[in-house]
Amino acid sequence: MEWSDLIYKRYNAFAWDYTRTVDLKNITDSIIEAYEHAPSKNQKYPFAVKVLKNNHHQELMTLCHRNLDVSIEKDAGNPQVLAPYVIGFSRRDIVEDQTKEDYRANEDIINYSCLEIGIQATYIMLALANRGLDTGICSCIQDQKRAGILFGLPNECKLILGIGYSKGLDTAIYNDPRTDSKKMIPFAPKDKDQVYPKPAIDIVYLSLIHISEPTRQAEIS
């Protein structure tokens, strides 16, 4: 798939088509691609990844309660985690070889592992999109310790990635297993910029628009 097609195709899926079978090989191949090509500082890979066939719909939805200030009945939920397959990400503790330069202080390893989880997850999502699969990402995990145990991870689960075939870009209904009731997905993917407006690009990318003349001259020199 062309790069421009790939980045436009991928969106955060909320409603899943369970009539289509997911080929597990497409998932494992995507993970291997990410492992082989995504960057990692000093190739330490300070994270662990676990794939599950999703037989834990009710517990995952409970662990990923969307808004703690509302009841389960009123909570829109995070149906990303109702996908046919789910991937959990956690920190992986690293034992340093003392003959080598220290990787980082322990606290930094914990923080840096989250950065690398994000990089790895992005590569996996794009590799899956290249194979025609949809993904939904969720970091709203209210009990990360329990989620880590559920996935069989060595530490708290920091991120969950749902994998399957989406019902599409339009608003859809899903069944919330917590209440066994039909609910609207939190928002249609096509409406994400209205629901969560993003900041202007020059606020985020500080040098993209406003490059000072001395900097320009230095670059030319």
N, C-alpha and C. Protein backbone atom coordinates (compact mmCIF):
# COMPACT_ATOMS: atom_id res chain seq x y z
N MET A 1 0.85 -1.19 0.00
CA MET A 1 0.00 0.00 0.00
C MET A 1 0.88 1.24 0.00
N GLU A 2 0.51 2.24 -0.79
CA GLU A 2 1.26 3.50 -0.82
C GLU A 2 1.15 4.20 0.54
N TRP A 3 2.23 4.93 0.91
CA TRP A 3 2.27 5.60 2.20
C TRP A 3 1.09 6.54 2.39
N SER A 4 0.76 7.33 1.39
CA SER A 4 -0.34 8.28 1.52
C SER A 4 -1.67 7.56 1.74
N ASP A 5 -1.85 6.41 1.08
CA ASP A 5 -3.07 5.63 1.28
C ASP A 5 -3.10 5.03 2.69
N LEU A 6 -1.93 4.61 3.14
CA LEU A 6 -1.83 3.93 4.44
C LEU A 6 -2.20 4.86 5.60
N ILE A 7 -1.65 6.06 5.62
CA ILE A 7 -1.91 6.95 6.75
C ILE A 7 -3.34 7.51 6.71
N TYR A 8 -3.94 7.58 5.51
CA TYR A 8 -5.33 8.03 5.43
C TYR A 8 -6.29 6.91 5.81
N LYS A 9 -5.88 5.67 5.58
CA LYS A 9 -6.77 4.53 5.84
C LYS A 9 -6.94 4.29 7.34
N ARG A 10 -5.87 4.47 8.11
CA ARG A 10 -5.91 4.12 9.52
C ARG A 10 -6.70 5.14 10.34
N TYR A 11 -7.63 4.65 11.17
CA TYR A 11 -8.36 5.50 12.11
C TYR A 11 -8.67 4.67 13.34
N ASN A 12 -9.12 5.31 14.40
CA ASN A 12 -9.42 4.58 15.62
C ASN A 12 -10.80 3.94 15.52
N ALA A 13 -10.82 2.63 15.44
CA ALA A 13 -12.08 1.89 15.24
C ALA A 13 -12.77 1.64 16.57
N PHE A 14 -14.09 1.80 16.58
CA PHE A 14 -14.89 1.58 17.78
C PHE A 14 -15.87 0.41 17.64
N ALA A 15 -16.38 0.20 16.43
CA ALA A 15 -17.40 -0.84 16.21
C ALA A 15 -16.82 -1.92 15.30
N TRP A 16 -16.97 -3.18 15.70
CA TRP A 16 -16.28 -4.27 15.03
C TRP A 16 -17.24 -5.19 14.28
N ASP A 17 -16.77 -5.66 13.14
CA ASP A 17 -17.53 -6.61 12.32
C ASP A 17 -17.07 -8.02 12.69
N TYR A 18 -17.88 -8.71 13.49
CA TYR A 18 -17.49 -10.04 13.97
C TYR A 18 -17.79 -11.14 12.95
N THR A 19 -18.38 -10.79 11.82
CA THR A 19 -18.67 -11.80 10.80
C THR A 19 -17.43 -12.10 9.95
N ARG A 20 -16.43 -11.26 10.04
CA ARG A 20 -15.20 -11.46 9.27
C ARG A 20 -14.12 -12.07 10.15
N THR A 21 -13.48 -13.09 9.64
CA THR A 21 -12.45 -13.80 10.40
C THR A 21 -11.10 -13.11 10.25
N VAL A 22 -10.44 -12.90 11.38
CA VAL A 22 -9.12 -12.29 11.39
C VAL A 22 -8.06 -13.38 11.30
N ASP A 23 -7.16 -13.26 10.33
CA ASP A 23 -6.06 -14.20 10.17
C ASP A 23 -4.96 -13.83 11.16
N LEU A 24 -4.71 -14.69 12.12
CA LEU A 24 -3.71 -14.41 13.16
C LEU A 24 -2.33 -14.17 12.55
N LYS A 25 -2.05 -14.80 11.42
CA LYS A 25 -0.73 -14.62 10.78
C LYS A 25 -0.51 -13.16 10.39
N ASN A 26 -1.57 -12.47 9.99
CA ASN A 26 -1.41 -11.06 9.66
C ASN A 26 -1.00 -10.24 10.88
N ILE A 27 -1.47 -10.66 12.05
CA ILE A 27 -1.10 -9.96 13.28
C ILE A 27 0.36 -10.26 13.64
N THR A 28 0.72 -11.53 13.62
CA THR A 28 2.09 -11.89 14.00
C THR A 28 3.11 -11.32 13.01
N ASP A 29 2.77 -11.33 11.73
CA ASP A 29 3.69 -10.76 10.73
C ASP A 29 3.86 -9.26 10.95
N SER A 30 2.78 -8.58 11.33
CA SER A 30 2.86 -7.14 11.58
C SER A 30 3.73 -6.84 12.80
N ILE A 31 3.59 -7.67 13.84
CA ILE A 31 4.40 -7.49 15.04
C ILE A 31 5.87 -7.73 14.75
N ILE A 32 6.16 -8.77 13.97
CA ILE A 32 7.55 -9.06 13.61
C ILE A 32 8.15 -7.91 12.80
N GLU A 33 7.37 -7.35 11.88
CA GLU A 33 7.83 -6.19 11.11
C GLU A 33 8.18 -5.03 12.02
N ALA A 34 7.29 -4.75 12.97
CA ALA A 34 7.53 -3.65 13.90
C ALA A 34 8.78 -3.91 14.73
N TYR A 35 8.92 -5.13 15.22
CA TYR A 35 10.09 -5.50 16.03
C TYR A 35 11.38 -5.31 15.24
N GLU A 36 11.34 -5.65 13.96
CA GLU A 36 12.56 -5.60 13.15
C GLU A 36 12.90 -4.19 12.68
N HIS A 37 11.90 -3.31 12.56
CA HIS A 37 12.16 -2.03 11.91
C HIS A 37 11.91 -0.79 12.78
N ALA A 38 11.11 -0.90 13.84
CA ALA A 38 10.87 0.27 14.69
C ALA A 38 12.13 0.57 15.51
N PRO A 39 12.46 1.84 15.69
CA PRO A 39 13.67 2.17 16.45
C PRO A 39 13.49 1.93 17.94
N SER A 40 14.60 1.57 18.61
CA SER A 40 14.62 1.41 20.06
C SER A 40 15.98 1.88 20.55
N LYS A 41 15.97 2.72 21.58
CA LYS A 41 17.24 3.25 22.10
C LYS A 41 18.17 2.12 22.53
N ASN A 42 19.34 2.09 21.92
CA ASN A 42 20.36 1.07 22.20
C ASN A 42 19.81 -0.35 22.04
N GLN A 43 18.72 -0.47 21.29
CA GLN A 43 18.07 -1.77 21.06
C GLN A 43 17.77 -2.51 22.36
N LYS A 44 17.29 -1.74 23.33
CA LYS A 44 16.96 -2.33 24.62
C LYS A 44 15.53 -2.89 24.64
N TYR A 45 14.64 -2.33 23.83
CA TYR A 45 13.24 -2.77 23.81
C TYR A 45 12.68 -2.90 25.24
N PRO A 46 12.54 -1.76 25.93
CA PRO A 46 12.11 -1.81 27.33
C PRO A 46 10.61 -1.99 27.50
N PHE A 47 10.04 -2.89 26.75
CA PHE A 47 8.60 -3.14 26.83
C PHE A 47 8.32 -4.60 26.49
N ALA A 48 7.14 -5.06 26.88
CA ALA A 48 6.68 -6.42 26.54
C ALA A 48 5.32 -6.30 25.87
N VAL A 49 5.06 -7.19 24.93
CA VAL A 49 3.84 -7.15 24.13
C VAL A 49 3.19 -8.53 24.17
N LYS A 50 1.87 -8.57 24.37
CA LYS A 50 1.16 -9.85 24.43
C LYS A 50 -0.13 -9.75 23.61
N VAL A 51 -0.33 -10.73 22.72
CA VAL A 51 -1.54 -10.80 21.89
C VAL A 51 -2.51 -11.80 22.51
N LEU A 52 -3.79 -11.42 22.57
CA LEU A 52 -4.82 -12.33 23.06
C LEU A 52 -5.97 -12.41 22.07
N LYS A 53 -6.49 -13.63 21.88
CA LYS A 53 -7.80 -13.75 21.26
C LYS A 53 -8.79 -13.27 22.31
N ASN A 54 -9.64 -12.34 21.94
CA ASN A 54 -10.40 -11.61 22.95
C ASN A 54 -11.62 -12.39 23.45
N ASN A 55 -11.41 -13.11 24.55
CA ASN A 55 -12.50 -13.79 25.25
C ASN A 55 -12.81 -13.09 26.58
N HIS A 56 -12.41 -11.83 26.68
CA HIS A 56 -12.52 -11.10 27.96
C HIS A 56 -13.27 -9.79 27.78
N HIS A 57 -14.30 -9.79 26.94
CA HIS A 57 -15.00 -8.55 26.60
C HIS A 57 -15.50 -7.80 27.84
N GLN A 58 -16.19 -8.51 28.72
CA GLN A 58 -16.80 -7.83 29.86
C GLN A 58 -15.75 -7.26 30.80
N GLU A 59 -14.72 -8.03 31.11
CA GLU A 59 -13.71 -7.54 32.05
C GLU A 59 -12.91 -6.39 31.44
N LEU A 60 -12.55 -6.50 30.16
CA LEU A 60 -11.79 -5.42 29.55
C LEU A 60 -12.60 -4.13 29.51
N MET A 61 -13.89 -4.23 29.20
CA MET A 61 -14.73 -3.04 29.19
C MET A 61 -14.85 -2.44 30.60
N THR A 62 -14.89 -3.30 31.60
CA THR A 62 -14.96 -2.82 32.98
C THR A 62 -13.66 -2.13 33.36
N LEU A 63 -12.54 -2.72 32.99
CA LEU A 63 -11.24 -2.13 33.29
C LEU A 63 -11.03 -0.81 32.56
N CYS A 64 -11.68 -0.67 31.40
CA CYS A 64 -11.49 0.52 30.57
C CYS A 64 -12.72 1.43 30.59
N HIS A 65 -13.34 1.55 31.74
CA HIS A 65 -14.45 2.48 31.94
C HIS A 65 -14.02 3.87 31.46
N ARG A 66 -14.82 4.49 30.59
CA ARG A 66 -14.38 5.71 29.93
C ARG A 66 -14.39 6.94 30.84
N ASN A 67 -15.50 7.18 31.51
CA ASN A 67 -15.66 8.37 32.35
C ASN A 67 -16.04 7.96 33.77
N LEU A 68 -15.13 8.15 34.71
CA LEU A 68 -15.37 7.70 36.08
C LEU A 68 -16.45 8.49 36.80
N ASP A 69 -16.81 9.64 36.24
CA ASP A 69 -17.84 10.45 36.90
C ASP A 69 -19.25 10.06 36.47
N VAL A 70 -19.40 9.02 35.66
CA VAL A 70 -20.73 8.54 35.28
C VAL A 70 -20.84 7.05 35.55
N SER A 71 -22.05 6.56 35.66
CA SER A 71 -22.29 5.15 35.93
C SER A 71 -22.00 4.30 34.71
N ILE A 72 -21.93 2.99 34.92
CA ILE A 72 -21.73 2.07 33.81
C ILE A 72 -22.84 2.22 32.78
N GLU A 73 -24.05 2.41 33.28
CA GLU A 73 -25.20 2.52 32.38
C GLU A 73 -25.07 3.72 31.45
N LYS A 74 -24.49 4.82 31.94
CA LYS A 74 -24.37 6.03 31.14
C LYS A 74 -23.02 6.17 30.46
N ASP A 75 -22.05 5.38 30.89
CA ASP A 75 -20.71 5.48 30.33
C ASP A 75 -20.69 5.02 28.88
N ALA A 76 -20.09 5.83 27.99
CA ALA A 76 -20.01 5.46 26.56
C ALA A 76 -19.07 4.29 26.33
N GLY A 77 -18.15 4.07 27.25
CA GLY A 77 -17.25 2.92 27.15
C GLY A 77 -16.11 3.15 26.17
N ASN A 78 -15.23 2.16 26.12
CA ASN A 78 -14.13 2.15 25.17
C ASN A 78 -14.20 0.86 24.36
N PRO A 79 -15.13 0.79 23.40
CA PRO A 79 -15.34 -0.47 22.65
C PRO A 79 -14.19 -0.85 21.73
N GLN A 80 -13.13 -0.04 21.73
CA GLN A 80 -11.92 -0.48 21.03
C GLN A 80 -11.48 -1.84 21.55
N VAL A 81 -11.68 -2.07 22.87
CA VAL A 81 -11.19 -3.29 23.50
C VAL A 81 -12.14 -4.47 23.31
N LEU A 82 -13.18 -4.30 22.49
CA LEU A 82 -14.08 -5.41 22.16
C LEU A 82 -13.70 -6.07 20.84
N ALA A 83 -12.56 -5.69 20.30
CA ALA A 83 -12.08 -6.25 19.03
C ALA A 83 -11.84 -7.76 19.15
N PRO A 84 -11.87 -8.48 18.03
CA PRO A 84 -11.63 -9.93 18.08
C PRO A 84 -10.28 -10.32 18.67
N TYR A 85 -9.26 -9.48 18.44
CA TYR A 85 -7.95 -9.69 19.05
C TYR A 85 -7.52 -8.39 19.73
N VAL A 86 -6.79 -8.53 20.82
CA VAL A 86 -6.27 -7.37 21.54
C VAL A 86 -4.80 -7.58 21.85
N ILE A 87 -4.06 -6.48 21.84
CA ILE A 87 -2.64 -6.51 22.21
C ILE A 87 -2.46 -5.64 23.45
N GLY A 88 -1.75 -6.16 24.43
CA GLY A 88 -1.41 -5.39 25.62
C GLY A 88 0.07 -5.03 25.63
N PHE A 89 0.39 -3.84 26.12
CA PHE A 89 1.77 -3.36 26.18
C PHE A 89 2.11 -3.00 27.62
N SER A 90 3.29 -3.40 28.06
CA SER A 90 3.75 -3.01 29.40
C SER A 90 5.24 -2.73 29.39
N ARG A 91 5.72 -2.17 30.49
CA ARG A 91 7.16 -2.00 30.68
C ARG A 91 7.82 -3.36 30.82
N ARG A 92 9.03 -3.49 30.29
CA ARG A 92 9.85 -4.68 30.53
C ARG A 92 11.08 -4.25 31.30
N ASP A 93 11.27 -4.83 32.48
CA ASP A 93 12.41 -4.45 33.30
C ASP A 93 13.71 -4.95 32.67
N ILE A 94 14.71 -4.07 32.66
CA ILE A 94 15.98 -4.37 32.03
C ILE A 94 17.06 -4.54 33.09
N VAL A 95 17.79 -5.63 33.03
CA VAL A 95 18.93 -5.84 33.91
C VAL A 95 20.18 -5.42 33.15
N GLU A 96 20.82 -4.35 33.63
CA GLU A 96 21.97 -3.80 32.93
C GLU A 96 23.23 -4.65 33.15
N ASP A 97 23.99 -4.79 32.08
CA ASP A 97 25.34 -5.33 32.18
C ASP A 97 26.23 -4.20 32.69
N GLN A 98 26.76 -4.35 33.91
CA GLN A 98 27.51 -3.27 34.54
C GLN A 98 28.81 -2.94 33.81
N THR A 99 29.25 -3.80 32.88
CA THR A 99 30.46 -3.51 32.11
C THR A 99 30.18 -2.53 30.99
N LYS A 100 28.88 -2.29 30.73
CA LYS A 100 28.50 -1.37 29.65
C LYS A 100 28.01 -0.06 30.25
N GLU A 101 27.93 0.94 29.39
CA GLU A 101 27.40 2.23 29.82
C GLU A 101 25.96 2.05 30.28
N ASP A 102 25.62 2.65 31.43
CA ASP A 102 24.26 2.51 31.94
C ASP A 102 23.25 2.99 30.91
N TYR A 103 22.16 2.25 30.82
CA TYR A 103 21.09 2.63 29.88
C TYR A 103 20.50 3.96 30.31
N ARG A 104 19.97 4.01 31.50
CA ARG A 104 19.46 5.22 32.12
C ARG A 104 19.15 4.90 33.58
N ALA A 105 18.89 5.91 34.34
CA ALA A 105 18.45 5.67 35.71
C ALA A 105 17.13 4.92 35.67
N ASN A 106 16.84 4.16 36.72
CA ASN A 106 15.66 3.29 36.72
C ASN A 106 14.38 4.06 36.44
N GLU A 107 14.25 5.26 37.04
CA GLU A 107 13.03 6.06 36.84
C GLU A 107 12.89 6.45 35.37
N ASP A 108 14.01 6.76 34.74
CA ASP A 108 13.97 7.12 33.33
C ASP A 108 13.60 5.93 32.46
N ILE A 109 14.02 4.74 32.84
CA ILE A 109 13.66 3.54 32.09
C ILE A 109 12.15 3.37 32.09
N ILE A 110 11.54 3.59 33.25
CA ILE A 110 10.09 3.47 33.36
C ILE A 110 9.41 4.48 32.44
N ASN A 111 9.87 5.73 32.48
CA ASN A 111 9.27 6.76 31.65
C ASN A 111 9.55 6.51 30.17
N TYR A 112 10.78 6.12 29.86
CA TYR A 112 11.15 5.94 28.46
C TYR A 112 10.44 4.75 27.84
N SER A 113 10.11 3.75 28.66
CA SER A 113 9.41 2.58 28.13
C SER A 113 8.07 2.98 27.51
N CYS A 114 7.42 3.98 28.11
CA CYS A 114 6.14 4.44 27.56
C CYS A 114 6.33 5.09 26.19
N LEU A 115 7.43 5.83 26.03
CA LEU A 115 7.72 6.42 24.73
C LEU A 115 7.92 5.34 23.68
N GLU A 116 8.67 4.31 24.05
CA GLU A 116 8.95 3.24 23.09
C GLU A 116 7.71 2.39 22.80
N ILE A 117 6.84 2.25 23.79
CA ILE A 117 5.57 1.55 23.56
C ILE A 117 4.79 2.29 22.47
N GLY A 118 4.76 3.63 22.55
CA GLY A 118 4.05 4.41 21.54
C GLY A 118 4.63 4.24 20.16
N ILE A 119 5.97 4.22 20.07
CA ILE A 119 6.61 4.02 18.77
C ILE A 119 6.28 2.65 18.21
N GLN A 120 6.41 1.63 19.06
CA GLN A 120 6.17 0.26 18.62
C GLN A 120 4.72 0.07 18.19
N ALA A 121 3.78 0.63 18.98
CA ALA A 121 2.36 0.50 18.66
C ALA A 121 2.04 1.16 17.33
N THR A 122 2.67 2.29 17.05
CA THR A 122 2.43 2.98 15.78
C THR A 122 2.87 2.12 14.61
N TYR A 123 4.05 1.52 14.71
CA TYR A 123 4.53 0.64 13.64
C TYR A 123 3.59 -0.55 13.46
N ILE A 124 3.13 -1.12 14.57
CA ILE A 124 2.22 -2.26 14.48
C ILE A 124 0.92 -1.86 13.81
N MET A 125 0.36 -0.70 14.20
CA MET A 125 -0.90 -0.24 13.61
C MET A 125 -0.79 -0.03 12.11
N LEU A 126 0.32 0.57 11.67
CA LEU A 126 0.50 0.82 10.24
C LEU A 126 0.75 -0.48 9.49
N ALA A 127 1.48 -1.40 10.10
CA ALA A 127 1.71 -2.70 9.46
C ALA A 127 0.40 -3.46 9.31
N LEU A 128 -0.47 -3.38 10.32
CA LEU A 128 -1.78 -4.02 10.25
C LEU A 128 -2.66 -3.37 9.19
N ALA A 129 -2.64 -2.04 9.13
CA ALA A 129 -3.41 -1.33 8.11
C ALA A 129 -2.96 -1.73 6.72
N ASN A 130 -1.67 -1.96 6.56
CA ASN A 130 -1.12 -2.38 5.27
C ASN A 130 -1.63 -3.75 4.87
N ARG A 131 -2.07 -4.54 5.86
CA ARG A 131 -2.63 -5.86 5.59
C ARG A 131 -4.17 -5.85 5.61
N GLY A 132 -4.74 -4.66 5.65
CA GLY A 132 -6.19 -4.53 5.55
C GLY A 132 -6.94 -4.62 6.86
N LEU A 133 -6.23 -4.64 7.99
CA LEU A 133 -6.87 -4.74 9.30
C LEU A 133 -7.04 -3.37 9.94
N ASP A 134 -8.08 -3.24 10.76
CA ASP A 134 -8.36 -2.00 11.46
C ASP A 134 -7.93 -2.14 12.92
N THR A 135 -7.68 -0.98 13.54
CA THR A 135 -7.20 -0.98 14.92
C THR A 135 -7.90 0.11 15.72
N GLY A 136 -8.01 -0.13 17.03
CA GLY A 136 -8.53 0.86 17.96
C GLY A 136 -7.62 0.89 19.17
N ILE A 137 -7.10 2.06 19.50
CA ILE A 137 -6.13 2.18 20.57
C ILE A 137 -6.80 2.72 21.83
N CYS A 138 -6.43 2.17 22.99
CA CYS A 138 -7.04 2.60 24.25
C CYS A 138 -5.98 2.65 25.35
N SER A 139 -5.86 3.82 25.97
CA SER A 139 -4.96 3.96 27.13
C SER A 139 -5.74 4.31 28.39
N CYS A 140 -7.07 4.35 28.27
CA CYS A 140 -7.93 4.66 29.41
C CYS A 140 -8.18 3.35 30.19
N ILE A 141 -7.14 2.91 30.89
CA ILE A 141 -7.18 1.65 31.63
C ILE A 141 -7.21 2.00 33.12
N GLN A 142 -8.34 1.81 33.75
CA GLN A 142 -8.51 2.27 35.13
C GLN A 142 -7.76 1.40 36.13
N ASP A 143 -7.56 0.14 35.80
CA ASP A 143 -6.80 -0.77 36.68
C ASP A 143 -5.71 -1.43 35.83
N GLN A 144 -4.58 -0.73 35.71
CA GLN A 144 -3.49 -1.21 34.85
C GLN A 144 -2.86 -2.49 35.39
N LYS A 145 -2.85 -2.64 36.71
CA LYS A 145 -2.26 -3.85 37.30
C LYS A 145 -3.09 -5.07 36.93
N ARG A 146 -4.41 -4.99 37.08
CA ARG A 146 -5.27 -6.12 36.73
C ARG A 146 -5.20 -6.41 35.24
N ALA A 147 -5.15 -5.36 34.42
CA ALA A 147 -5.05 -5.56 32.98
C ALA A 147 -3.75 -6.27 32.62
N GLY A 148 -2.67 -5.93 33.32
CA GLY A 148 -1.39 -6.60 33.09
C GLY A 148 -1.47 -8.09 33.41
N ILE A 149 -2.16 -8.41 34.50
CA ILE A 149 -2.34 -9.81 34.88
C ILE A 149 -3.20 -10.53 33.84
N LEU A 150 -4.25 -9.88 33.39
CA LEU A 150 -5.15 -10.48 32.40
C LEU A 150 -4.40 -10.83 31.12
N PHE A 151 -3.51 -9.94 30.69
CA PHE A 151 -2.73 -10.19 29.47
C PHE A 151 -1.54 -11.12 29.70
N GLY A 152 -1.14 -11.30 30.97
CA GLY A 152 0.05 -12.09 31.25
C GLY A 152 1.32 -11.29 31.00
N LEU A 153 1.27 -9.99 31.30
CA LEU A 153 2.42 -9.11 31.10
C LEU A 153 3.25 -9.01 32.38
N PRO A 154 4.51 -8.63 32.28
CA PRO A 154 5.37 -8.58 33.47
C PRO A 154 5.09 -7.39 34.38
N ASN A 155 4.42 -6.35 33.86
CA ASN A 155 4.11 -5.16 34.65
C ASN A 155 2.73 -4.63 34.26
N GLU A 156 2.39 -3.45 34.77
CA GLU A 156 1.09 -2.87 34.47
C GLU A 156 0.89 -2.67 32.97
N CYS A 157 -0.31 -2.93 32.52
CA CYS A 157 -0.64 -2.73 31.11
C CYS A 157 -0.90 -1.24 30.88
N LYS A 158 -0.11 -0.64 30.01
CA LYS A 158 -0.19 0.80 29.75
C LYS A 158 -1.03 1.13 28.52
N LEU A 159 -1.18 0.17 27.63
CA LEU A 159 -1.85 0.45 26.36
C LEU A 159 -2.48 -0.83 25.84
N ILE A 160 -3.68 -0.70 25.27
CA ILE A 160 -4.36 -1.84 24.64
C ILE A 160 -4.69 -1.46 23.21
N LEU A 161 -4.40 -2.38 22.31
CA LEU A 161 -4.69 -2.18 20.90
C LEU A 161 -5.67 -3.24 20.43
N GLY A 162 -6.86 -2.81 19.98
CA GLY A 162 -7.84 -3.74 19.44
C GLY A 162 -7.59 -3.95 17.95
N ILE A 163 -7.78 -5.19 17.49
CA ILE A 163 -7.50 -5.53 16.09
C ILE A 163 -8.66 -6.32 15.51
N GLY A 164 -9.10 -5.92 14.34
CA GLY A 164 -10.18 -6.64 13.65
C GLY A 164 -10.59 -5.90 12.40
N TYR A 165 -11.85 -6.03 12.02
CA TYR A 165 -12.41 -5.31 10.88
C TYR A 165 -13.50 -4.38 11.40
N SER A 166 -13.33 -3.10 11.09
CA SER A 166 -14.28 -2.09 11.55
C SER A 166 -15.58 -2.16 10.76
N LYS A 167 -16.64 -1.68 11.37
CA LYS A 167 -17.92 -1.54 10.67
C LYS A 167 -17.94 -0.32 9.75
N GLY A 168 -16.91 0.52 9.84
CA GLY A 168 -16.84 1.66 8.95
C GLY A 168 -16.74 2.98 9.67
N LEU A 169 -16.69 4.06 8.89
CA LEU A 169 -16.47 5.39 9.44
C LEU A 169 -17.71 6.04 10.03
N ASP A 170 -18.87 5.59 9.63
CA ASP A 170 -20.09 6.22 10.12
C ASP A 170 -20.43 5.76 11.54
N THR A 171 -21.25 6.55 12.20
CA THR A 171 -21.67 6.21 13.56
C THR A 171 -22.32 4.84 13.59
N ALA A 172 -22.01 4.05 14.62
CA ALA A 172 -22.53 2.68 14.69
C ALA A 172 -22.93 2.36 16.13
N ILE A 173 -23.69 1.31 16.24
CA ILE A 173 -24.14 0.80 17.54
C ILE A 173 -23.25 -0.37 17.93
N TYR A 174 -22.97 -0.50 19.21
CA TYR A 174 -22.26 -1.67 19.69
C TYR A 174 -22.97 -2.19 20.92
N ASN A 175 -22.69 -3.43 21.30
CA ASN A 175 -23.28 -4.01 22.50
C ASN A 175 -22.29 -3.93 23.65
N ASP A 176 -22.67 -3.23 24.71
CA ASP A 176 -21.82 -3.10 25.89
C ASP A 176 -22.03 -4.32 26.77
N PRO A 177 -21.00 -5.18 26.90
CA PRO A 177 -21.17 -6.40 27.69
C PRO A 177 -21.34 -6.15 29.19
N ARG A 178 -21.01 -4.95 29.66
CA ARG A 178 -21.17 -4.63 31.09
C ARG A 178 -22.64 -4.56 31.46
N THR A 179 -23.46 -4.09 30.53
CA THR A 179 -24.88 -3.91 30.80
C THR A 179 -25.75 -4.74 29.87
N ASP A 180 -25.10 -5.44 28.92
CA ASP A 180 -25.81 -6.20 27.89
C ASP A 180 -26.87 -5.33 27.22
N SER A 181 -26.42 -4.15 26.81
CA SER A 181 -27.33 -3.20 26.17
C SER A 181 -26.66 -2.55 24.97
N LYS A 182 -27.47 -2.08 24.04
CA LYS A 182 -26.97 -1.40 22.86
C LYS A 182 -26.62 0.04 23.22
N LYS A 183 -25.46 0.50 22.74
CA LYS A 183 -25.03 1.87 22.95
C LYS A 183 -24.44 2.44 21.67
N MET A 184 -24.46 3.76 21.59
CA MET A 184 -23.76 4.43 20.50
C MET A 184 -22.27 4.42 20.81
N ILE A 185 -21.45 4.28 19.79
CA ILE A 185 -20.01 4.40 20.00
C ILE A 185 -19.72 5.82 20.50
N PRO A 186 -18.59 6.04 21.19
CA PRO A 186 -18.32 7.37 21.77
C PRO A 186 -18.44 8.51 20.76
N PHE A 187 -17.91 8.30 19.56
CA PHE A 187 -18.08 9.27 18.48
C PHE A 187 -17.66 8.60 17.17
N ALA A 188 -18.22 9.08 16.08
CA ALA A 188 -17.84 8.54 14.78
C ALA A 188 -16.42 8.99 14.45
N PRO A 189 -15.57 8.08 13.96
CA PRO A 189 -14.19 8.48 13.63
C PRO A 189 -14.11 9.70 12.72
N LYS A 190 -15.08 9.85 11.84
CA LYS A 190 -15.05 11.00 10.93
C LYS A 190 -15.29 12.32 11.66
N ASP A 191 -15.78 12.25 12.89
CA ASP A 191 -16.09 13.46 13.67
C ASP A 191 -15.03 13.77 14.72
N LYS A 192 -13.90 13.08 14.69
CA LYS A 192 -12.91 13.20 15.77
C LYS A 192 -12.39 14.63 15.93
N ASP A 193 -12.23 15.36 14.82
CA ASP A 193 -11.70 16.72 14.93
C ASP A 193 -12.69 17.69 15.54
N GLN A 194 -13.98 17.35 15.48
CA GLN A 194 -14.99 18.18 16.14
C GLN A 194 -15.10 17.83 17.62
N VAL A 195 -14.97 16.53 17.93
CA VAL A 195 -15.07 16.08 19.31
C VAL A 195 -13.83 16.48 20.11
N TYR A 196 -12.67 16.28 19.50
CA TYR A 196 -11.40 16.63 20.14
C TYR A 196 -10.61 17.54 19.20
N PRO A 197 -10.90 18.84 19.18
CA PRO A 197 -10.19 19.76 18.28
C PRO A 197 -8.68 19.74 18.54
N LYS A 198 -7.91 19.63 17.49
CA LYS A 198 -6.46 19.62 17.65
C LYS A 198 -5.91 21.05 17.60
N PRO A 199 -4.78 21.30 18.26
CA PRO A 199 -4.18 22.64 18.21
C PRO A 199 -3.65 22.93 16.82
N ALA A 200 -3.45 24.22 16.52
CA ALA A 200 -2.89 24.61 15.23
C ALA A 200 -1.50 24.01 15.05
N ILE A 201 -1.14 23.68 13.83
CA ILE A 201 0.11 22.98 13.56
C ILE A 201 1.32 23.78 14.03
N ASP A 202 1.28 25.13 13.94
CA ASP A 202 2.45 25.90 14.33
C ASP A 202 2.58 26.04 15.85
N ILE A 203 1.57 25.60 16.59
CA ILE A 203 1.69 25.54 18.04
C ILE A 203 2.44 24.27 18.44
N VAL A 204 2.24 23.21 17.68
CA VAL A 204 2.88 21.92 17.97
C VAL A 204 4.26 21.84 17.35
N TYR A 205 4.36 22.15 16.04
CA TYR A 205 5.63 22.11 15.31
C TYR A 205 6.18 23.52 15.26
N LEU A 206 6.99 23.85 16.26
CA LEU A 206 7.37 25.24 16.48
C LEU A 206 8.25 25.81 15.38
N SER A 207 9.02 24.97 14.70
CA SER A 207 9.94 25.48 13.68
C SER A 207 9.43 25.28 12.26
N LEU A 208 8.24 24.70 12.13
CA LEU A 208 7.75 24.38 10.79
C LEU A 208 7.34 25.64 10.03
N ILE A 209 6.67 26.54 10.72
CA ILE A 209 6.15 27.73 10.06
C ILE A 209 7.07 28.94 10.28
N HIS A 210 7.49 29.13 11.53
CA HIS A 210 8.24 30.33 11.87
C HIS A 210 9.72 29.99 12.06
N ILE A 211 10.47 30.01 10.98
CA ILE A 211 11.91 29.79 11.06
C ILE A 211 12.58 31.15 10.96
N SER A 212 13.35 31.50 11.99
CA SER A 212 13.97 32.82 12.01
C SER A 212 15.00 32.95 10.91
N GLU A 213 15.25 34.18 10.48
CA GLU A 213 16.22 34.43 9.42
C GLU A 213 17.62 33.98 9.79
N PRO A 214 18.10 34.26 11.04
CA PRO A 214 19.45 33.76 11.40
C PRO A 214 19.56 32.25 11.29
N THR A 215 18.47 31.56 11.66
CA THR A 215 18.48 30.09 11.55
C THR A 215 18.54 29.68 10.09
N ARG A 216 17.76 30.34 9.26
CA ARG A 216 17.77 30.04 7.82
C ARG A 216 19.17 30.26 7.25
N GLN A 217 19.81 31.36 7.64
CA GLN A 217 21.13 31.66 7.12
C GLN A 217 22.14 30.61 7.56
N ALA A 218 22.03 30.19 8.82
CA ALA A 218 22.93 29.16 9.35
C ALA A 218 22.76 27.86 8.59
N GLU A 219 21.50 27.54 8.26
CA GLU A 219 21.25 26.30 7.51
C GLU A 219 21.84 26.38 6.13
N ILE A 220 21.74 27.56 5.50
CA ILE A 220 22.29 27.74 4.15
C ILE A 220 23.80 27.62 4.17
N SER A 221 24.41 28.20 5.24
CA SER A 221 25.87 28.17 5.36
C SER A 221 26.37 26.75 5.59
